C-alpha cells in the first residue's frame, strides 16, 4: 500500500474531503502533528506528502522552529519531483522552500467562499475539476507569496493573484481550502474565533454560505484530488 503522510498544524484542519479519495487510490494515511511530533525519517520517501494549513506564518521560524524542518523536507522532495501538495500554510511553505518571499498580504484577510479564476495552465490540469460547474472555494488566509522561479501559476482570486502554482510534474500548491467540509466547519469557527472577530467576518453569513456551497465544493474537490493523483502517478 502507498503511504500519504499529512503534516497537520491544528487538529481541525485535516484532510477533509481528500481523505476518502486517497484511500480509494490505494493510500494509507498517516498524520504528523506539527510541533508535537518530529518529522519521521520515512517522510522523505513517502509516496505522497501533504502539508496542511494553520494560523501561523512561514516567517515565524523563531517562534515555531519546526517550520524550518518542514521547509527543508519540502525542498528536498521538490528537488526529486516527489509528489508534494501544499494547502494554505502548506502552499506558503512550498513557495518559501523554492526561495520565494512569503509575507502578510496587502489586501488583508481573505476569508469565506469566493471564486477562483484559472489560468490556461490551470484549466489544462486537475484544477479544472474544481471549478466545474462553479468556481467558489473556501479562502482563509492573510498571508501571500511571490510566485517562485520556475513555478507555473494556476489560479488567482479577486484579492490575491497567486492562489495556486505547480512545480515540476508532481508539486502542487493551493492557497485556498478545497478540502474543508460543511460538517467540520464549525470547528474552524471555534478555533479561529479571534481571527474572525478581528477581521469582522460574520459567522452567521459564513455558516449560511457553507450550507449553500460546501456540499458542491466537496464533490468537486473529490473529483479534483482523484484526477491529480492519477496525473502524478502517470
Protein backbone atom coordinates (compact mmCIF):
# COMPACT_ATOMS: atom_id res chain seq x y z
CA UNK A 1 0.00 0.00 0.00
CA UNK A 2 1.18 3.51 -0.81
CA UNK A 3 1.75 5.99 2.02
CA UNK A 4 0.32 9.51 2.24
CA UNK A 5 1.93 11.50 5.04
CA UNK A 6 -0.02 14.60 6.07
CA UNK A 7 1.56 17.29 8.24
CA UNK A 8 -1.21 18.84 10.36
CA UNK A 9 -0.74 22.13 12.23
CA UNK A 10 -4.11 22.34 14.01
CA UNK A 11 -6.34 19.33 14.67
CA UNK A 12 -9.43 20.62 12.85
CA UNK A 13 -7.61 21.47 9.60
CA UNK A 14 -7.30 17.90 8.38
CA UNK A 15 -7.58 16.18 5.00
CA UNK A 16 -11.36 16.59 4.99
CA UNK A 17 -12.86 15.68 1.62
CA UNK A 18 -9.46 14.45 0.35
CA UNK A 19 -9.34 11.50 2.77
CA UNK A 20 -11.73 9.09 1.02
CA UNK A 21 -10.30 9.61 -2.49
CA UNK A 22 -6.81 9.00 -1.09
CA UNK A 23 -7.89 5.68 0.41
CA UNK A 24 -9.73 4.78 -2.80
CA UNK A 25 -6.49 5.47 -4.71
CA UNK A 26 -4.66 2.93 -2.54
CA UNK A 27 -3.03 5.19 0.07
CA UNK A 28 -2.73 4.61 3.77
CA UNK A 29 -2.87 7.94 5.62
CA UNK A 30 -0.59 8.96 8.45
CA UNK A 31 -0.78 12.32 10.20
CA UNK A 32 2.22 14.03 11.73
CA UNK A 33 1.25 16.65 14.32
CA UNK A 34 3.48 19.67 13.68
CA UNK A 35 5.33 20.88 16.76
CA UNK A 36 4.28 17.80 18.72
CA UNK A 37 5.96 15.10 16.66
CA UNK A 38 9.26 15.18 14.83
CA UNK A 39 9.06 14.65 11.09
CA UNK A 40 9.69 10.90 10.68
CA UNK A 41 12.67 9.69 8.70
CA UNK A 42 10.38 7.99 6.19
CA UNK A 43 8.79 11.34 5.23
CA UNK A 44 11.39 11.93 2.54
CA UNK A 45 10.46 8.67 0.81
CA UNK A 46 6.68 8.75 1.38
CA UNK A 47 4.67 8.21 -1.78
CA UNK A 48 2.84 11.49 -1.11
CA UNK A 49 3.42 14.42 1.25
CA UNK A 50 0.53 16.76 2.02
CA UNK A 51 1.26 19.86 4.12
CA UNK A 52 -1.95 21.29 5.55
CA UNK A 53 -2.99 24.74 6.74
CA UNK A 54 -2.63 26.57 10.04
CA UNK A 55 -2.84 30.02 11.63
CA UNK A 56 0.91 30.73 11.74
CA UNK A 57 3.23 32.38 9.25
CA UNK A 58 6.12 30.84 7.34
CA UNK A 59 8.33 33.69 8.55
CA UNK A 60 7.72 32.85 12.25
CA UNK A 61 10.54 30.31 12.46
CA UNK A 62 11.92 31.88 15.67
CA UNK A 63 8.61 31.17 17.39
CA UNK A 64 7.91 27.88 15.58
CA UNK A 65 11.28 26.27 14.76
CA UNK A 66 9.64 23.14 13.29
CA UNK A 67 8.69 25.23 10.24
CA UNK A 68 12.34 25.12 9.16
CA UNK A 69 12.24 21.31 9.20
CA UNK A 70 9.08 21.31 7.10
CA UNK A 71 10.62 23.70 4.60
CA UNK A 72 13.74 21.55 4.30
CA UNK A 73 11.65 18.42 3.74
CA UNK A 74 9.57 20.14 1.06
CA UNK A 75 12.68 21.48 -0.67
CA UNK A 76 14.23 18.01 -0.81
CA UNK A 77 11.06 16.42 -2.17
CA UNK A 78 10.55 19.09 -4.81
CA UNK A 79 14.15 18.63 -5.85
CA UNK A 80 13.34 14.98 -6.61
CA UNK A 81 9.93 15.81 -8.10
CA UNK A 82 8.36 13.58 -5.43
CA UNK A 83 4.56 14.10 -5.08
CA UNK A 84 4.14 17.09 -2.77
CA UNK A 85 0.93 19.00 -2.15
CA UNK A 86 0.53 22.11 0.00
CA UNK A 87 -2.69 23.74 1.22
CA UNK A 88 -2.72 27.33 2.55
CA UNK A 89 0.22 27.37 5.01
CA UNK A 90 1.49 24.30 3.14
CA UNK A 91 1.43 26.27 -0.12
CA UNK A 92 3.28 29.15 1.53
CA UNK A 93 5.91 26.71 2.83
CA UNK A 94 6.31 25.35 -0.70
CA UNK A 95 6.86 28.88 -2.00
CA UNK A 96 9.43 29.54 0.72
CA UNK A 97 11.18 26.24 0.00
CA UNK A 98 11.60 27.42 -3.59
CA UNK A 99 13.13 30.72 -2.47
CA UNK A 100 10.06 32.96 -2.87
CA UNK A 101 9.07 35.67 -0.41
CA UNK A 102 6.11 34.98 1.92
CA UNK A 103 4.56 37.98 3.69
CA UNK A 104 1.36 39.45 5.18
CA UNK A 105 -0.97 40.16 2.29
CA UNK A 106 -1.63 43.79 1.46
CA UNK A 107 -5.27 43.10 0.60
CA UNK A 108 -5.99 41.96 4.16
CA UNK A 109 -7.74 38.78 5.22
CA UNK A 110 -9.42 36.71 2.54
CA UNK A 111 -11.94 34.58 4.44
CA UNK A 112 -15.07 32.98 3.03
CA UNK A 113 -16.42 31.38 -0.09
CA UNK A 114 -15.41 33.17 -3.28
CA UNK A 115 -14.40 32.24 -6.82
CA UNK A 116 -11.00 31.47 -8.25
CA UNK A 117 -10.04 32.06 -11.86
CA UNK A 118 -7.82 29.50 -13.54
CA UNK A 119 -5.01 30.34 -15.94
CA UNK A 120 -4.67 28.40 -19.18
CA UNK A 121 -2.30 26.04 -17.37
CA UNK A 122 -4.80 25.62 -14.55
CA UNK A 123 -7.62 24.79 -16.94
CA UNK A 124 -5.43 22.16 -18.60
CA UNK A 125 -4.91 20.19 -15.39
CA UNK A 126 -6.69 18.70 -12.41
CA UNK A 127 -7.92 22.07 -11.10
CA UNK A 128 -10.42 22.18 -13.96
CA UNK A 129 -12.46 19.62 -11.98
CA UNK A 130 -12.56 22.06 -9.05
CA UNK A 131 -14.25 24.89 -10.95
CA UNK A 132 -16.86 22.93 -12.87
CA UNK A 133 -19.73 23.71 -12.69
CA UNK A 134 -18.89 26.58 -10.28
CA UNK A 135 -15.71 28.24 -9.08
CA UNK A 136 -16.32 29.11 -5.41
CA UNK A 137 -13.83 27.69 -2.92
CA UNK A 138 -13.15 28.42 0.73
CA UNK A 139 -10.49 31.09 1.29
CA UNK A 140 -8.95 31.52 4.74
CA UNK A 141 -5.65 33.36 4.79
CA UNK A 142 -3.97 36.67 5.46
CA UNK A 143 -0.53 35.94 4.03
CA UNK A 144 0.57 35.81 0.43
CA UNK A 145 3.67 34.85 -1.54
CA UNK A 146 5.58 35.74 -4.66
CA UNK A 147 5.42 33.21 -7.47
CA UNK A 148 8.59 31.10 -7.16
CA UNK A 149 11.07 30.98 -10.02
CA UNK A 150 10.26 28.07 -12.29
CA UNK A 151 6.72 27.65 -10.92
CA UNK A 152 3.63 27.81 -13.12
CA UNK A 153 0.74 29.98 -11.96
CA UNK A 154 -2.55 28.05 -12.00
CA UNK A 155 -5.15 30.26 -10.31
CA UNK A 156 -5.93 33.73 -8.98
CA UNK A 157 -8.72 35.39 -7.00
CA UNK A 158 -10.09 38.93 -6.96
CA UNK A 159 -7.90 39.83 -3.95
CA UNK A 160 -4.78 37.72 -4.48
CA UNK A 161 -3.11 36.99 -7.81
CA UNK A 162 -1.15 33.97 -6.57
CA UNK A 163 -3.67 31.35 -5.48
CA UNK A 164 -2.17 28.15 -6.90
CA UNK A 165 1.00 27.04 -8.62
CA UNK A 166 2.63 23.90 -9.93
CA UNK A 167 6.30 23.00 -9.77
CA UNK A 168 7.68 20.14 -11.80
CA UNK A 169 5.20 17.38 -12.63
CA UNK A 170 4.32 16.42 -9.07
CA UNK A 171 4.31 19.57 -6.95
CA UNK A 172 1.07 21.48 -6.33
CA UNK A 173 0.40 24.42 -4.00
CA UNK A 174 -3.07 25.83 -3.25
CA UNK A 175 -3.55 28.97 -1.16
CA UNK A 176 -7.25 28.19 -0.67
CA UNK A 177 -9.05 25.27 1.02
CA UNK A 178 -10.87 22.84 -1.27
CA UNK A 179 -10.76 20.14 1.42
CA UNK A 180 -12.93 21.91 4.02
CA UNK A 181 -16.31 20.26 4.65
CA UNK A 182 -19.60 21.65 5.91
CA UNK A 183 -19.90 19.24 8.85
CA UNK A 184 -16.47 20.16 10.24
CA UNK A 185 -16.52 23.90 9.55
CA UNK A 186 -17.94 24.67 12.99
CA UNK A 187 -14.57 23.59 14.43
CA UNK A 188 -12.93 26.23 12.24
CA UNK A 189 -15.35 28.88 13.52
CA UNK A 190 -14.49 27.99 17.10
CA UNK A 191 -10.75 27.53 16.60
CA UNK A 192 -10.31 30.73 14.60
CA UNK A 193 -12.72 32.87 16.62
CA UNK A 194 -10.15 35.58 17.43
CA UNK A 195 -9.12 35.90 13.78
CA UNK A 196 -12.73 36.03 12.59
CA UNK A 197 -13.65 38.67 15.14
CA UNK A 198 -10.63 40.84 14.28
CA UNK A 199 -11.44 40.56 10.58
CA UNK A 200 -15.10 41.45 11.11
CA UNK A 201 -16.34 38.25 9.47
CA UNK A 202 -20.00 37.37 10.07
CA UNK A 203 -20.25 33.86 11.48
CA UNK A 204 -23.91 33.66 10.50
CA UNK A 205 -23.02 34.65 6.95
CA UNK A 206 -20.17 32.16 6.77
CA UNK A 207 -22.43 29.38 8.08
CA UNK A 208 -25.08 30.23 5.51
CA UNK A 209 -22.53 30.24 2.70
CA UNK A 210 -21.15 26.92 3.89
CA UNK A 211 -24.62 25.36 3.91
CA UNK A 212 -25.16 26.50 0.33
CA UNK A 213 -21.70 25.97 -1.16
CA UNK A 214 -19.79 23.34 0.84
CA UNK A 215 -21.68 20.27 -0.44
CA UNK A 216 -20.92 21.14 -4.06
CA UNK A 217 -17.34 22.00 -3.19
CA UNK A 218 -16.95 18.59 -1.55
CA UNK A 219 -17.93 16.75 -4.72
CA UNK A 220 -15.73 18.93 -6.93
CA UNK A 221 -12.81 18.55 -4.50
CA UNK A 222 -13.11 14.78 -4.58
CA UNK A 223 -13.00 14.79 -8.39
CA UNK A 224 -10.06 17.19 -8.35
CA UNK A 225 -7.87 15.20 -5.96
CA UNK A 226 -8.66 11.93 -7.72
CA UNK A 227 -7.60 13.45 -11.05
CA UNK A 228 -4.43 14.97 -9.58
CA UNK A 229 -3.42 11.67 -8.00
CA UNK A 230 -3.90 9.95 -11.36
CA UNK A 231 -1.87 12.65 -13.11
CA UNK A 232 1.12 12.41 -10.75
CA UNK A 233 1.07 8.62 -10.92
CA UNK A 234 1.23 8.62 -14.72
